[in-house]
Protein backbone atom coordinates (compact mmCIF):
# COMPACT_ATOMS: atom_id res chain seq x y z
CA MET A 1 -27.83 -12.58 -7.98
CA SER A 2 -24.94 -10.33 -9.07
CA GLU A 3 -22.26 -9.58 -6.75
CA SER A 4 -20.89 -6.13 -6.19
CA LYS A 5 -17.48 -5.58 -6.39
CA GLU A 6 -16.15 -2.32 -5.17
CA TRP A 7 -12.18 -1.39 -5.54
CA THR A 8 -10.48 0.40 -2.77
CA MET A 9 -8.17 2.71 -3.30
CA MET A 10 -4.89 2.26 -0.70
CA ARG A 11 -2.32 4.85 -0.69
CA SER A 12 1.48 3.96 0.96
CA GLU A 13 0.65 5.36 4.67
CA ASP A 14 -2.50 2.60 4.69
CA TYR A 15 -0.05 -0.13 5.15
CA ASP A 16 1.41 1.24 8.49
CA ASP A 17 -1.24 -0.48 10.45
CA LEU A 18 -1.01 -3.79 8.14
CA ILE A 19 2.79 -3.73 9.10
CA ASP A 20 1.94 -3.15 12.73
CA LEU A 21 -0.10 -6.27 12.40
CA ALA A 22 2.47 -8.25 10.53
CA LEU A 23 5.09 -7.47 13.31
CA ALA A 24 2.71 -8.34 16.26
CA MET A 25 2.20 -11.46 14.81
CA LYS A 26 5.81 -12.02 14.22
CA ASN A 27 4.44 -12.86 10.40
CA LYS A 28 7.66 -12.61 8.68
CA GLU A 29 6.53 -13.71 5.11
CA TRP A 30 3.29 -11.44 5.12
CA LEU A 31 5.84 -8.62 6.63
CA GLU A 32 8.15 -8.72 3.86
CA GLU A 33 4.99 -8.59 1.05
CA LEU A 34 3.76 -5.69 3.23
CA LEU A 35 7.01 -3.76 2.67
CA THR A 36 7.54 -4.93 -1.04
CA LYS A 37 4.09 -3.17 -1.74
CA GLN A 38 4.25 -0.22 0.13
CA LYS A 39 8.00 0.75 -1.61
CA GLN A 40 6.14 -0.21 -4.87
CA LEU A 41 2.91 2.25 -4.32
CA ARG A 42 5.71 4.62 -2.74
CA GLU A 43 7.10 5.04 -6.01
CA LEU A 44 4.19 5.06 -8.22
CA GLU A 45 2.77 8.02 -6.09
CA ILE A 46 6.01 9.51 -6.63
CA GLU A 47 5.86 8.77 -10.10
CA MET A 48 2.46 10.12 -10.60
CA ARG A 49 3.28 13.45 -8.51
CA ARG A 50 5.73 14.06 -10.92
CA GLU A 51 3.53 13.42 -14.29
CA LEU A 52 0.83 15.64 -12.94
CA GLY A 53 3.41 18.50 -11.75
CA VAL A 54 1.56 18.25 -8.17
CA LEU A 55 4.49 18.87 -5.70
CA ASP A 56 4.42 17.81 -2.02
């Protein structure tokens, strides 16, 4: 049998609930990782909007 792999697209806003969870769990390492990924994703989103000519 072959396993089906599905890509899940996340937006920078999708990290907010995970960040809240990391804070509630007092997991500093995970929190820092999530914050870094969210920041990188926000930068990419902005760059893509500029390239596509889409303004917020």
